[in-house]
Amino acid sequence: MAIPSQLLWTMLKSTTLTTLQKQKNLLAFSGGGDSTALLFLLLEHKIPFDIAIVDYGLRLQSKEECSYAKALAQQYNFTCHTLQAPQIDSNFEAKARTVRYDFFEQLIAKYHYTTLLTAHHLGDRFEWMLMQFCKGAGCVEMAGMQMQEQRENYTLIRPLLHLDKAELLAYLHTKDIHYFEDASNSNPHYKRNAFRHTHTKPLLKEYLSGIKKSFAYIDADVKSIIQDVTLHTLEDFTYFAASTEKRSDIYHIDQHLKRKGFLLSAHEKELLASQKSVVVARKILIVQAHKHVFILPYVQNVPMEKRFKEEMRCLEIEPKLRPYLFLHPNVKELVLSLL
């Protein structure tokens, strides 16, 4: 797919460019086609940014990718942050993601970046949508990645989410820009790779225009369902005001837990829709009561004073929440102020 040079400027949305020009941006870089395309598009539009790259030590090529990142930083005068990841022996994809985002968030806190840019594209989003559809999901779950997501201390922006991989590669080839191919992306051992090559890529090749339109419709539908909330945190206790739409609250719970490394199962989401309190992974308690949603560590077997238990009973505080409140007087006072 050839892209005429005069149309290259249209690849990044004008609203995204306006936003990025006002921010201190950190780009998650790998040396692959996606992040390399995003890096050069940012350079073309004179968007200020630095980059961060992680070497997991699994491939000889990863050393070359880090060297390439450093060379680009020197050539174009931005900072390249690197991390040599610890050895990961099991559950690689999930643990690598945790290592990666912990690194990014440490950099964000240390150097006061306001945005994290990732090179997720339409193919990534479509792949996620189809996998969720096959598991059983509504439009909120299938919408998946969004162009912009507010995190606790920064904004996550995916400037390429409306573009297909083929469009990005065509851009790189047109500009004769070097990038690396990760051989593991073709390994059918990984479920997502097999799904991508069997289903996602053929459909995108045949129906790209229609798929883009469908995501635009889905996004519009999701906006009508998902209501904005503000998450507040005290110690390790997070809360927000419940909305008028239960699915909206479950969405925000799900997004918050993902940032903490917990993934809600379909069954847990069903429980949240029907029950006031749900324990996730035996570690996280979610309570939906008193017009608020509370998310906190799950504690039990805590000896509590009789007077405290009577106070909690009179106030109709969820029993599973009481042990935590007994151990955290500041949070207890906060919860009482919300009643």
C-alpha atoms as a PDB file:
ATOM      1  CA  MET A   1       0.000   0.000   0.000  1.00  0.00           C
ATOM      2  CA  ALA A   2       1.790   3.112  -1.204  1.00  0.00           C
ATOM      3  CA  ILE A   3       1.077   6.407   0.522  1.00  0.00           C
ATOM      4  CA  PRO A   4       1.581   9.565  -1.546  1.00  0.00           C
ATOM      5  CA  SER A   5       4.106  11.790   0.215  1.00  0.00           C
ATOM      6  CA  GLN A   6       1.767  14.786   0.140  1.00  0.00           C
ATOM      7  CA  LEU A   7      -0.742  12.836   2.263  1.00  0.00           C
ATOM      8  CA  LEU A   8       1.664  11.716   4.992  1.00  0.00           C
ATOM      9  CA  TRP A   9       0.679  14.624   7.219  1.00  0.00           C
ATOM     10  CA  THR A  10      -2.827  13.180   7.557  1.00  0.00           C
ATOM     11  CA  MET A  11      -1.630  10.035   9.351  1.00  0.00           C
ATOM     12  CA  LEU A  12      -1.785  11.638  12.808  1.00  0.00           C
ATOM     13  CA  LYS A  13      -5.048  13.285  13.784  1.00  0.00           C
ATOM     14  CA  SER A  14      -4.970  17.048  14.201  1.00  0.00           C
ATOM     15  CA  THR A  15      -6.558  16.826  17.658  1.00  0.00           C
ATOM     16  CA  THR A  16      -3.798  14.440  18.758  1.00  0.00           C
ATOM     17  CA  LEU A  17      -1.085  16.726  17.407  1.00  0.00           C
ATOM     18  CA  THR A  18      -2.558  19.739  19.192  1.00  0.00           C
ATOM     19  CA  THR A  19      -2.595  17.785  22.457  1.00  0.00           C
ATOM     20  CA  LEU A  20       0.959  16.456  22.130  1.00  0.00           C
ATOM     21  CA  GLN A  21       2.450  19.848  21.317  1.00  0.00           C
ATOM     22  CA  LYS A  22       1.471  21.025  24.803  1.00  0.00           C
ATOM     23  CA  GLN A  23       2.781  17.987  26.700  1.00  0.00           C
ATOM     24  CA  LYS A  24       6.028  16.435  27.897  1.00  0.00           C
ATOM     25  CA  ASN A  25       5.895  13.143  25.987  1.00  0.00           C
ATOM     26  CA  LEU A  26       7.521   9.757  26.597  1.00  0.00           C
ATOM     27  CA  LEU A  27       7.382   7.273  23.705  1.00  0.00           C
ATOM     28  CA  ALA A  28       7.419   3.538  24.433  1.00  0.00           C
ATOM     29  CA  PHE A  29       9.891   2.392  21.760  1.00  0.00           C
ATOM     30  CA  SER A  30      10.911  -1.079  20.604  1.00  0.00           C
ATOM     31  CA  GLY A  31      12.591  -0.575  17.239  1.00  0.00           C
ATOM     32  CA  GLY A  32       9.762  -2.440  15.501  1.00  0.00           C
ATOM     33  CA  GLY A  33       7.773  -1.026  12.617  1.00  0.00           C
ATOM     34  CA  ASP A  34       4.948   0.397  14.723  1.00  0.00           C
ATOM     35  CA  SER A  35       6.972   2.418  17.227  1.00  0.00           C
ATOM     36  CA  THR A  36       9.535   3.428  14.585  1.00  0.00           C
ATOM     37  CA  ALA A  37       6.762   4.833  12.387  1.00  0.00           C
ATOM     38  CA  LEU A  38       5.351   6.756  15.345  1.00  0.00           C
ATOM     39  CA  LEU A  39       8.796   8.116  16.244  1.00  0.00           C
ATOM     40  CA  PHE A  40       9.378   9.531  12.748  1.00  0.00           C
ATOM     41  CA  LEU A  41       5.842  10.905  12.495  1.00  0.00           C
ATOM     42  CA  LEU A  42       6.440  12.778  15.755  1.00  0.00           C
ATOM     43  CA  LEU A  43       9.708  14.130  14.360  1.00  0.00           C
ATOM     44  CA  GLU A  44       7.977  15.265  11.155  1.00  0.00           C
ATOM     45  CA  HIS A  45       5.434  17.208  13.171  1.00  0.00           C
ATOM     46  CA  LYS A  46       8.088  18.643  15.526  1.00  0.00           C
ATOM     47  CA  ILE A  47       6.459  17.063  18.584  1.00  0.00           C
ATOM     48  CA  PRO A  48       8.886  17.057  21.537  1.00  0.00           C
ATOM     49  CA  PHE A  49       9.474  13.635  23.097  1.00  0.00           C
ATOM     50  CA  ASP A  50      11.930  11.217  24.687  1.00  0.00           C
ATOM     51  CA  ILE A  51      11.919   7.438  24.308  1.00  0.00           C
ATOM     52  CA  ALA A  52      12.128   4.395  26.602  1.00  0.00           C
ATOM     53  CA  ILE A  53      13.136   0.889  25.499  1.00  0.00           C
ATOM     54  CA  VAL A  54      13.312  -2.416  27.422  1.00  0.00           C
ATOM     55  CA  ASP A  55      15.763  -5.226  26.617  1.00  0.00           C
ATOM     56  CA  TYR A  56      14.333  -8.558  27.813  1.00  0.00           C
ATOM     57  CA  GLY A  57      17.514 -10.394  26.833  1.00  0.00           C
ATOM     58  CA  LEU A  58      15.722 -13.135  24.892  1.00  0.00           C
ATOM     59  CA  ARG A  59      16.969 -12.294  21.393  1.00  0.00           C
ATOM     60  CA  LEU A  60      20.373 -11.291  20.041  1.00  0.00           C
ATOM     61  CA  GLN A  61      18.519  -8.698  17.966  1.00  0.00           C
ATOM     62  CA  SER A  62      17.367  -6.865  21.106  1.00  0.00           C
ATOM     63  CA  LYS A  63      20.886  -5.480  21.596  1.00  0.00           C
ATOM     64  CA  GLU A  64      20.771  -4.065  18.066  1.00  0.00           C
ATOM     65  CA  GLU A  65      17.360  -2.529  18.759  1.00  0.00           C
ATOM     66  CA  CYS A  66      18.697  -0.756  21.853  1.00  0.00           C
ATOM     67  CA  SER A  67      21.714   0.472  19.895  1.00  0.00           C
ATOM     68  CA  TYR A  68      19.387   1.752  17.179  1.00  0.00           C
ATOM     69  CA  ALA A  69      17.295   3.591  19.788  1.00  0.00           C
ATOM     70  CA  LYS A  70      20.396   5.257  21.241  1.00  0.00           C
ATOM     71  CA  ALA A  71      21.655   6.218  17.765  1.00  0.00           C
ATOM     72  CA  LEU A  72      18.298   7.829  16.919  1.00  0.00           C
ATOM     73  CA  ALA A  73      18.370   9.747  20.198  1.00  0.00           C
ATOM     74  CA  GLN A  74      21.831  11.104  19.421  1.00  0.00           C
ATOM     75  CA  GLN A  75      20.941  11.956  15.829  1.00  0.00           C
ATOM     76  CA  TYR A  76      17.665  13.733  16.605  1.00  0.00           C
ATOM     77  CA  ASN A  77      18.581  15.170  20.013  1.00  0.00           C
ATOM     78  CA  PHE A  78      16.173  13.479  22.411  1.00  0.00           C
ATOM     79  CA  THR A  79      16.784  11.304  25.485  1.00  0.00           C
ATOM     80  CA  CYS A  80      16.770   7.503  25.297  1.00  0.00           C
ATOM     81  CA  HIS A  81      15.999   5.682  28.565  1.00  0.00           C
ATOM     82  CA  THR A  82      16.939   1.976  28.601  1.00  0.00           C
ATOM     83  CA  LEU A  83      16.207  -0.915  30.946  1.00  0.00           C
ATOM     84  CA  GLN A  84      17.765  -4.369  31.084  1.00  0.00           C
ATOM     85  CA  ALA A  85      14.821  -6.453  32.280  1.00  0.00           C
ATOM     86  CA  PRO A  86      15.271  -9.198  34.894  1.00  0.00           C
ATOM     87  CA  GLN A  87      14.975 -12.788  33.689  1.00  0.00           C
ATOM     88  CA  ILE A  88      11.376 -13.916  33.227  1.00  0.00           C
ATOM     89  CA  ASP A  89      10.912 -17.693  33.481  1.00  0.00           C
ATOM     90  CA  SER A  90       7.125 -18.062  33.142  1.00  0.00           C
ATOM     91  CA  ASN A  91       3.987 -16.243  31.992  1.00  0.00           C
ATOM     92  CA  PHE A  92       6.250 -14.043  29.885  1.00  0.00           C
ATOM     93  CA  GLU A  93       3.735 -11.730  28.192  1.00  0.00           C
ATOM     94  CA  ALA A  94       1.982 -10.656  31.407  1.00  0.00           C
ATOM     95  CA  LYS A  95       5.174 -10.278  33.433  1.00  0.00           C
ATOM     96  CA  ALA A  96       6.974  -8.433  30.617  1.00  0.00           C
ATOM     97  CA  ARG A  97       4.095  -5.979  30.434  1.00  0.00           C
ATOM     98  CA  THR A  98       4.373  -5.363  34.182  1.00  0.00           C
ATOM     99  CA  VAL A  99       8.141  -4.789  33.917  1.00  0.00           C
ATOM    100  CA  ARG A 100       7.631  -2.467  30.970  1.00  0.00           C
ATOM    101  CA  TYR A 101       4.945  -0.289  32.517  1.00  0.00           C
ATOM    102  CA  ASP A 102       6.665  -0.151  35.901  1.00  0.00           C
ATOM    103  CA  PHE A 103       9.715   1.225  34.069  1.00  0.00           C
ATOM    104  CA  PHE A 104       7.666   3.758  32.125  1.00  0.00           C
ATOM    105  CA  GLU A 105       5.843   4.961  35.225  1.00  0.00           C
ATOM    106  CA  GLN A 106       9.086   5.324  37.171  1.00  0.00           C
ATOM    107  CA  LEU A 107      10.417   7.540  34.371  1.00  0.00           C
ATOM    108  CA  ILE A 108       7.179   9.523  34.300  1.00  0.00           C
ATOM    109  CA  ALA A 109       7.424  10.183  38.038  1.00  0.00           C
ATOM    110  CA  LYS A 110      11.143  11.001  37.975  1.00  0.00           C
ATOM    111  CA  TYR A 111      11.215  13.261  34.911  1.00  0.00           C
ATOM    112  CA  HIS A 112       7.656  14.642  35.104  1.00  0.00           C
ATOM    113  CA  TYR A 113       6.407  13.372  31.739  1.00  0.00           C
ATOM    114  CA  THR A 114       2.730  14.124  31.271  1.00  0.00           C
ATOM    115  CA  THR A 115       1.950  11.597  28.533  1.00  0.00           C
ATOM    116  CA  LEU A 116       3.002   8.069  27.621  1.00  0.00           C
ATOM    117  CA  LEU A 117       2.746   7.321  23.888  1.00  0.00           C
ATOM    118  CA  THR A 118       2.368   3.769  22.637  1.00  0.00           C
ATOM    119  CA  ALA A 119       2.279   2.531  19.044  1.00  0.00           C
ATOM    120  CA  HIS A 120      -0.808   0.329  19.263  1.00  0.00           C
ATOM    121  CA  HIS A 121      -2.589   0.363  15.903  1.00  0.00           C
ATOM    122  CA  LEU A 122      -5.902  -0.678  14.376  1.00  0.00           C
ATOM    123  CA  GLY A 123      -4.788  -4.286  13.981  1.00  0.00           C
ATOM    124  CA  ASP A 124      -4.059  -4.550  17.707  1.00  0.00           C
ATOM    125  CA  ARG A 125      -7.461  -3.123  18.517  1.00  0.00           C
ATOM    126  CA  PHE A 126      -9.315  -5.322  16.019  1.00  0.00           C
ATOM    127  CA  GLU A 127      -7.493  -8.401  17.306  1.00  0.00           C
ATOM    128  CA  TRP A 128      -8.580  -7.588  20.856  1.00  0.00           C
ATOM    129  CA  MET A 129     -12.170  -6.980  19.745  1.00  0.00           C
ATOM    130  CA  LEU A 130     -12.468 -10.326  17.963  1.00  0.00           C
ATOM    131  CA  MET A 131     -10.936 -12.230  20.874  1.00  0.00           C
ATOM    132  CA  GLN A 132     -13.342 -10.575  23.316  1.00  0.00           C
ATOM    133  CA  PHE A 133     -16.270 -11.290  20.981  1.00  0.00           C
ATOM    134  CA  CYS A 134     -15.325 -14.974  20.891  1.00  0.00           C
ATOM    135  CA  LYS A 135     -15.210 -15.089  24.713  1.00  0.00           C
ATOM    136  CA  GLY A 136     -18.511 -13.248  25.136  1.00  0.00           C
ATOM    137  CA  ALA A 137     -18.592  -9.456  25.482  1.00  0.00           C
ATOM    138  CA  GLY A 138     -20.660  -6.332  24.955  1.00  0.00           C
ATOM    139  CA  CYS A 139     -19.715  -3.240  22.975  1.00  0.00           C
ATOM    140  CA  VAL A 140     -17.904  -1.663  25.951  1.00  0.00           C
ATOM    141  CA  GLU A 141     -15.584  -4.647  26.298  1.00  0.00           C
ATOM    142  CA  MET A 142     -15.110  -5.030  22.548  1.00  0.00           C
ATOM    143  CA  ALA A 143     -14.251  -1.359  22.108  1.00  0.00           C
ATOM    144  CA  GLY A 144     -11.065  -2.164  24.005  1.00  0.00           C
ATOM    145  CA  MET A 145      -8.229   0.307  23.519  1.00  0.00           C
ATOM    146  CA  GLN A 146      -9.053   3.987  23.341  1.00  0.00           C
ATOM    147  CA  MET A 147      -7.038   6.749  21.695  1.00  0.00           C
ATOM    148  CA  GLN A 148      -6.631   8.449  25.061  1.00  0.00           C
ATOM    149  CA  GLU A 149      -6.869   7.122  28.618  1.00  0.00           C
ATOM    150  CA  GLN A 150      -6.329   9.045  31.833  1.00  0.00           C
ATOM    151  CA  ARG A 151      -4.045   7.263  34.288  1.00  0.00           C
ATOM    152  CA  GLU A 152      -3.301   8.310  37.867  1.00  0.00           C
ATOM    153  CA  ASN A 153      -0.284  10.531  37.093  1.00  0.00           C
ATOM    154  CA  TYR A 154      -0.248  10.769  33.300  1.00  0.00           C
ATOM    155  CA  THR A 155      -2.278  10.363  30.121  1.00  0.00           C
ATOM    156  CA  LEU A 156      -1.806   7.297  27.922  1.00  0.00           C
ATOM    157  CA  ILE A 157      -2.177   8.232  24.244  1.00  0.00           C
ATOM    158  CA  ARG A 158      -2.234   5.850  21.273  1.00  0.00           C
ATOM    159  CA  PRO A 159      -1.809   8.141  18.229  1.00  0.00           C
ATOM    160  CA  LEU A 160      -1.834   5.270  15.682  1.00  0.00           C
ATOM    161  CA  LEU A 161      -5.004   3.516  16.803  1.00  0.00           C
ATOM    162  CA  HIS A 162      -6.891   4.521  13.648  1.00  0.00           C
ATOM    163  CA  LEU A 163      -4.186   3.178  11.285  1.00  0.00           C
ATOM    164  CA  ASP A 164      -3.572  -0.325   9.998  1.00  0.00           C
ATOM    165  CA  LYS A 165      -0.157  -1.983  10.201  1.00  0.00           C
ATOM    166  CA  ALA A 166       0.042  -2.023   6.400  1.00  0.00           C
ATOM    167  CA  GLU A 167      -0.348   1.761   6.339  1.00  0.00           C
ATOM    168  CA  LEU A 168       2.486   2.157   8.832  1.00  0.00           C
ATOM    169  CA  LEU A 169       4.808  -0.146   6.899  1.00  0.00           C
ATOM    170  CA  ALA A 170       3.988   1.657   3.659  1.00  0.00           C
ATOM    171  CA  TYR A 171       4.984   4.922   5.348  1.00  0.00           C
ATOM    172  CA  LEU A 172       8.306   3.441   6.495  1.00  0.00           C
ATOM    173  CA  HIS A 173       9.055   2.014   3.057  1.00  0.00           C
ATOM    174  CA  THR A 174       8.125   5.264   1.323  1.00  0.00           C
ATOM    175  CA  LYS A 175      10.525   7.176   3.570  1.00  0.00           C
ATOM    176  CA  ASP A 176      13.165   4.389   3.474  1.00  0.00           C
ATOM    177  CA  ILE A 177      13.254   4.212   7.277  1.00  0.00           C
ATOM    178  CA  HIS A 178      14.998   1.304   8.981  1.00  0.00           C
ATOM    179  CA  TYR A 179      13.095  -0.824  11.487  1.00  0.00           C
ATOM    180  CA  PHE A 180      13.331  -4.310  13.009  1.00  0.00           C
ATOM    181  CA  GLU A 181      11.097  -7.330  12.526  1.00  0.00           C
ATOM    182  CA  ASP A 182      10.542  -9.334  15.737  1.00  0.00           C
ATOM    183  CA  ALA A 183      10.531 -13.002  14.693  1.00  0.00           C
ATOM    184  CA  SER A 184       8.477 -13.918  17.780  1.00  0.00           C
ATOM    185  CA  ASN A 185       5.509 -12.060  16.268  1.00  0.00           C
ATOM    186  CA  SER A 186       5.174 -14.914  13.780  1.00  0.00           C
ATOM    187  CA  ASN A 187       5.423 -17.687  16.365  1.00  0.00           C
ATOM    188  CA  PRO A 188       2.065 -19.540  16.354  1.00  0.00           C
ATOM    189  CA  HIS A 189       2.820 -20.765  19.883  1.00  0.00           C
ATOM    190  CA  TYR A 190       1.370 -17.471  21.098  1.00  0.00           C
ATOM    191  CA  LYS A 191      -2.425 -17.458  20.830  1.00  0.00           C
ATOM    192  CA  ARG A 192      -2.585 -13.831  19.718  1.00  0.00           C
ATOM    193  CA  ASN A 193      -0.152 -14.475  16.865  1.00  0.00           C
ATOM    194  CA  ALA A 194      -2.189 -17.408  15.581  1.00  0.00           C
ATOM    195  CA  PHE A 195      -5.373 -15.357  15.866  1.00  0.00           C
ATOM    196  CA  ARG A 196      -3.741 -12.445  14.057  1.00  0.00           C
ATOM    197  CA  HIS A 197      -2.559 -14.424  11.054  1.00  0.00           C
ATOM    198  CA  THR A 198      -5.676 -16.597  10.756  1.00  0.00           C
ATOM    199  CA  HIS A 199      -8.375 -13.994  11.302  1.00  0.00           C
ATOM    200  CA  THR A 200      -7.325 -10.391  11.886  1.00  0.00           C
ATOM    201  CA  LYS A 201      -4.919  -9.745   9.015  1.00  0.00           C
ATOM    202  CA  PRO A 202      -7.097 -11.313   6.262  1.00  0.00           C
ATOM    203  CA  LEU A 203     -10.167  -9.364   7.423  1.00  0.00           C
ATOM    204  CA  LEU A 204      -8.270  -6.066   7.619  1.00  0.00           C
ATOM    205  CA  LYS A 205      -6.864  -6.616   4.154  1.00  0.00           C
ATOM    206  CA  GLU A 206     -10.329  -7.236   2.718  1.00  0.00           C
ATOM    207  CA  TYR A 207     -12.516  -4.886   4.780  1.00  0.00           C
ATOM    208  CA  LEU A 208     -10.252  -2.114   6.158  1.00  0.00           C
ATOM    209  CA  SER A 209     -12.585   0.787   5.376  1.00  0.00           C
ATOM    210  CA  GLY A 210     -15.625  -0.899   6.899  1.00  0.00           C
ATOM    211  CA  ILE A 211     -13.718  -1.940  10.033  1.00  0.00           C
ATOM    212  CA  LYS A 212     -12.588   1.668  10.584  1.00  0.00           C
ATOM    213  CA  LYS A 213     -16.205   2.862  10.268  1.00  0.00           C
ATOM    214  CA  SER A 214     -17.413   0.166  12.679  1.00  0.00           C
ATOM    215  CA  PHE A 215     -14.955   1.276  15.359  1.00  0.00           C
ATOM    216  CA  ALA A 216     -16.153   4.860  14.925  1.00  0.00           C
ATOM    217  CA  TYR A 217     -19.732   3.687  15.564  1.00  0.00           C
ATOM    218  CA  ILE A 218     -18.661   1.532  18.530  1.00  0.00           C
ATOM    219  CA  ASP A 219     -16.767   4.451  20.076  1.00  0.00           C
ATOM    220  CA  ALA A 220     -19.831   6.674  19.745  1.00  0.00           C
ATOM    221  CA  ASP A 221     -22.005   3.998  21.403  1.00  0.00           C
ATOM    222  CA  VAL A 222     -19.515   3.518  24.236  1.00  0.00           C
ATOM    223  CA  LYS A 223     -19.416   7.263  24.929  1.00  0.00           C
ATOM    224  CA  SER A 224     -23.164   7.166  25.465  1.00  0.00           C
ATOM    225  CA  ILE A 225     -22.755   4.349  28.009  1.00  0.00           C
ATOM    226  CA  ILE A 226     -19.557   5.226  29.858  1.00  0.00           C
ATOM    227  CA  GLN A 227     -19.900   8.161  32.216  1.00  0.00           C
ATOM    228  CA  ASP A 228     -16.853  10.107  33.360  1.00  0.00           C
ATOM    229  CA  VAL A 229     -15.731   9.529  36.934  1.00  0.00           C
ATOM    230  CA  THR A 230     -12.928  10.852  39.108  1.00  0.00           C
ATOM    231  CA  LEU A 231     -11.001   8.233  41.050  1.00  0.00           C
ATOM    232  CA  HIS A 232      -9.732   9.249  44.490  1.00  0.00           C
ATOM    233  CA  THR A 233      -7.118   7.422  46.544  1.00  0.00           C
ATOM    234  CA  LEU A 234      -6.285   7.396  50.241  1.00  0.00           C
ATOM    235  CA  GLU A 235      -3.498   5.024  51.274  1.00  0.00           C
ATOM    236  CA  ASP A 236      -4.276   1.891  49.175  1.00  0.00           C
ATOM    237  CA  PHE A 237      -8.033   2.595  49.156  1.00  0.00           C
ATOM    238  CA  THR A 238      -9.578   3.862  45.900  1.00  0.00           C
ATOM    239  CA  TYR A 239     -13.114   5.146  45.475  1.00  0.00           C
ATOM    240  CA  PHE A 240     -15.386   7.002  43.082  1.00  0.00           C
ATOM    241  CA  ALA A 241     -18.991   8.159  42.982  1.00  0.00           C
ATOM    242  CA  ALA A 242     -21.238   5.543  41.410  1.00  0.00           C
ATOM    243  CA  SER A 243     -22.896   6.536  38.150  1.00  0.00           C
ATOM    244  CA  THR A 244     -26.447   5.864  36.990  1.00  0.00           C
ATOM    245  CA  GLU A 245     -25.205   3.119  34.658  1.00  0.00           C
ATOM    246  CA  LYS A 246     -23.871  -0.095  36.251  1.00  0.00           C
ATOM    247  CA  ARG A 247     -21.924  -1.046  33.127  1.00  0.00           C
ATOM    248  CA  SER A 248     -20.096   2.265  33.309  1.00  0.00           C
ATOM    249  CA  ASP A 249     -19.005   1.556  36.893  1.00  0.00           C
ATOM    250  CA  ILE A 250     -17.829  -1.947  35.973  1.00  0.00           C
ATOM    251  CA  TYR A 251     -15.826  -0.487  33.089  1.00  0.00           C
ATOM    252  CA  HIS A 252     -14.004   1.912  35.418  1.00  0.00           C
ATOM    253  CA  ILE A 253     -13.391  -0.864  37.956  1.00  0.00           C
ATOM    254  CA  ASP A 254     -11.972  -3.034  35.190  1.00  0.00           C
ATOM    255  CA  GLN A 255      -9.692  -0.274  33.888  1.00  0.00           C
ATOM    256  CA  HIS A 256      -8.399   0.534  37.370  1.00  0.00           C
ATOM    257  CA  LEU A 257      -7.631  -3.109  38.161  1.00  0.00           C
ATOM    258  CA  LYS A 258      -5.830  -3.571  34.837  1.00  0.00           C
ATOM    259  CA  ARG A 259      -3.509  -0.747  35.805  1.00  0.00           C
ATOM    260  CA  LYS A 260      -2.832  -2.635  39.027  1.00  0.00           C
ATOM    261  CA  GLY A 261      -2.087  -5.876  37.187  1.00  0.00           C
ATOM    262  CA  PHE A 262      -5.420  -7.630  37.822  1.00  0.00           C
ATOM    263  CA  LEU A 263      -7.711  -8.821  35.025  1.00  0.00           C
ATOM    264  CA  LEU A 264     -11.402  -9.273  35.737  1.00  0.00           C
ATOM    265  CA  SER A 265     -12.844 -12.516  34.408  1.00  0.00           C
ATOM    266  CA  ALA A 266     -16.208 -12.626  32.646  1.00  0.00           C
ATOM    267  CA  HIS A 267     -17.645 -14.346  35.728  1.00  0.00           C
ATOM    268  CA  GLU A 268     -16.348 -11.612  38.037  1.00  0.00           C
ATOM    269  CA  LYS A 269     -17.929  -8.953  35.824  1.00  0.00           C
ATOM    270  CA  GLU A 270     -21.230 -10.832  36.053  1.00  0.00           C
ATOM    271  CA  LEU A 271     -20.924 -10.870  39.844  1.00  0.00           C
ATOM    272  CA  LEU A 272     -20.256  -7.118  39.902  1.00  0.00           C
ATOM    273  CA  ALA A 273     -23.458  -6.584  37.949  1.00  0.00           C
ATOM    274  CA  SER A 274     -25.540  -8.457  40.524  1.00  0.00           C
ATOM    275  CA  GLN A 275     -23.757  -8.258  43.893  1.00  0.00           C
ATOM    276  CA  LYS A 276     -22.729  -5.399  46.174  1.00  0.00           C
ATOM    277  CA  SER A 277     -19.355  -6.896  47.102  1.00  0.00           C
ATOM    278  CA  VAL A 278     -16.988  -9.073  45.086  1.00  0.00           C
ATOM    279  CA  VAL A 279     -13.515 -10.403  45.931  1.00  0.00           C
ATOM    280  CA  VAL A 280     -11.128 -10.535  42.961  1.00  0.00           C
ATOM    281  CA  ALA A 281      -8.196 -12.963  42.894  1.00  0.00           C
ATOM    282  CA  ARG A 282      -8.586 -13.358  46.671  1.00  0.00           C
ATOM    283  CA  LYS A 283      -6.731 -10.055  47.039  1.00  0.00           C
ATOM    284  CA  ILE A 284      -8.977  -7.173  45.972  1.00  0.00           C
ATOM    285  CA  LEU A 285     -12.359  -6.283  47.464  1.00  0.00           C
ATOM    286  CA  ILE A 286     -14.834  -4.254  45.430  1.00  0.00           C
ATOM    287  CA  VAL A 287     -17.813  -2.806  47.265  1.00  0.00           C
ATOM    288  CA  GLN A 288     -20.654  -0.968  45.540  1.00  0.00           C
ATOM    289  CA  ALA A 289     -22.658   0.735  48.268  1.00  0.00           C
ATOM    290  CA  HIS A 290     -23.750   4.115  49.632  1.00  0.00           C
ATOM    291  CA  LYS A 291     -23.691   5.626  46.121  1.00  0.00           C
ATOM    292  CA  HIS A 292     -19.965   4.922  45.815  1.00  0.00           C
ATOM    293  CA  VAL A 293     -17.619   2.236  44.542  1.00  0.00           C
ATOM    294  CA  PHE A 294     -14.781   1.201  46.862  1.00  0.00           C
ATOM    295  CA  ILE A 295     -11.710  -0.745  45.676  1.00  0.00           C
ATOM    296  CA  LEU A 296      -9.298  -1.950  48.346  1.00  0.00           C
ATOM    297  CA  PRO A 297      -7.097  -4.829  49.529  1.00  0.00           C
ATOM    298  CA  TYR A 298      -9.149  -7.718  50.875  1.00  0.00           C
ATOM    299  CA  VAL A 299      -8.350  -8.499  54.508  1.00  0.00           C
ATOM    300  CA  GLN A 300     -10.045 -10.940  56.847  1.00  0.00           C
ATOM    301  CA  ASN A 301      -9.664 -12.694  60.198  1.00  0.00           C
ATOM    302  CA  VAL A 302      -9.048  -9.380  61.960  1.00  0.00           C
ATOM    303  CA  PRO A 303     -10.120  -9.246  65.648  1.00  0.00           C
ATOM    304  CA  MET A 304     -12.330  -6.160  65.979  1.00  0.00           C
ATOM    305  CA  GLU A 305     -13.560  -4.371  69.079  1.00  0.00           C
ATOM    306  CA  LYS A 306     -17.184  -4.947  69.993  1.00  0.00           C
ATOM    307  CA  ARG A 307     -17.964  -1.233  69.904  1.00  0.00           C
ATOM    308  CA  PHE A 308     -16.532  -0.913  66.390  1.00  0.00           C
ATOM    309  CA  LYS A 309     -18.532  -3.893  65.124  1.00  0.00           C
ATOM    310  CA  GLU A 310     -21.725  -2.441  66.556  1.00  0.00           C
ATOM    311  CA  GLU A 311     -21.029   0.919  64.908  1.00  0.00           C
ATOM    312  CA  MET A 312     -20.466  -0.765  61.540  1.00  0.00           C
ATOM    313  CA  ARG A 313     -23.646  -2.814  61.932  1.00  0.00           C
ATOM    314  CA  CYS A 314     -25.749   0.247  62.720  1.00  0.00           C
ATOM    315  CA  LEU A 315     -24.324   2.083  59.708  1.00  0.00           C
ATOM    316  CA  GLU A 316     -24.971  -0.977  57.512  1.00  0.00           C
ATOM    317  CA  ILE A 317     -21.351  -1.149  56.373  1.00  0.00           C
ATOM    318  CA  GLU A 318     -20.637  -4.155  54.164  1.00  0.00           C
ATOM    319  CA  PRO A 319     -19.203  -6.901  56.459  1.00  0.00           C
ATOM    320  CA  LYS A 320     -16.261  -7.686  54.151  1.00  0.00           C
ATOM    321  CA  LEU A 321     -15.246  -4.012  54.288  1.00  0.00           C
ATOM    322  CA  ARG A 322     -15.181  -3.789  58.094  1.00  0.00           C
ATOM    323  CA  PRO A 323     -11.798  -5.466  58.819  1.00  0.00           C
ATOM    324  CA  TYR A 324      -9.992  -3.056  56.494  1.00  0.00           C
ATOM    325  CA  LEU A 325     -11.715  -0.030  58.031  1.00  0.00           C
ATOM    326  CA  PHE A 326     -10.779  -1.250  61.517  1.00  0.00           C
ATOM    327  CA  LEU A 327      -7.095  -1.365  60.484  1.00  0.00           C
ATOM    328  CA  HIS A 328      -7.231   2.006  58.674  1.00  0.00           C
ATOM    329  CA  PRO A 329      -8.909   4.694  60.830  1.00  0.00           C
ATOM    330  CA  ASN A 330      -8.258   7.434  58.238  1.00  0.00           C
ATOM    331  CA  VAL A 331     -10.120   5.475  55.584  1.00  0.00           C
ATOM    332  CA  LYS A 332     -12.891   4.712  58.053  1.00  0.00           C
ATOM    333  CA  GLU A 333     -13.424   8.430  58.642  1.00  0.00           C
ATOM    334  CA  LEU A 334     -13.473   9.027  54.890  1.00  0.00           C
ATOM    335  CA  VAL A 335     -16.065   6.318  54.296  1.00  0.00           C
ATOM    336  CA  LEU A 336     -18.256   7.650  57.103  1.00  0.00           C
ATOM    337  CA  SER A 337     -18.081  11.128  55.573  1.00  0.00           C
ATOM    338  CA  LEU A 338     -19.397   9.682  52.292  1.00  0.00           C
ATOM    339  CA  LEU A 339     -22.468   8.041  53.849  1.00  0.00           C
END
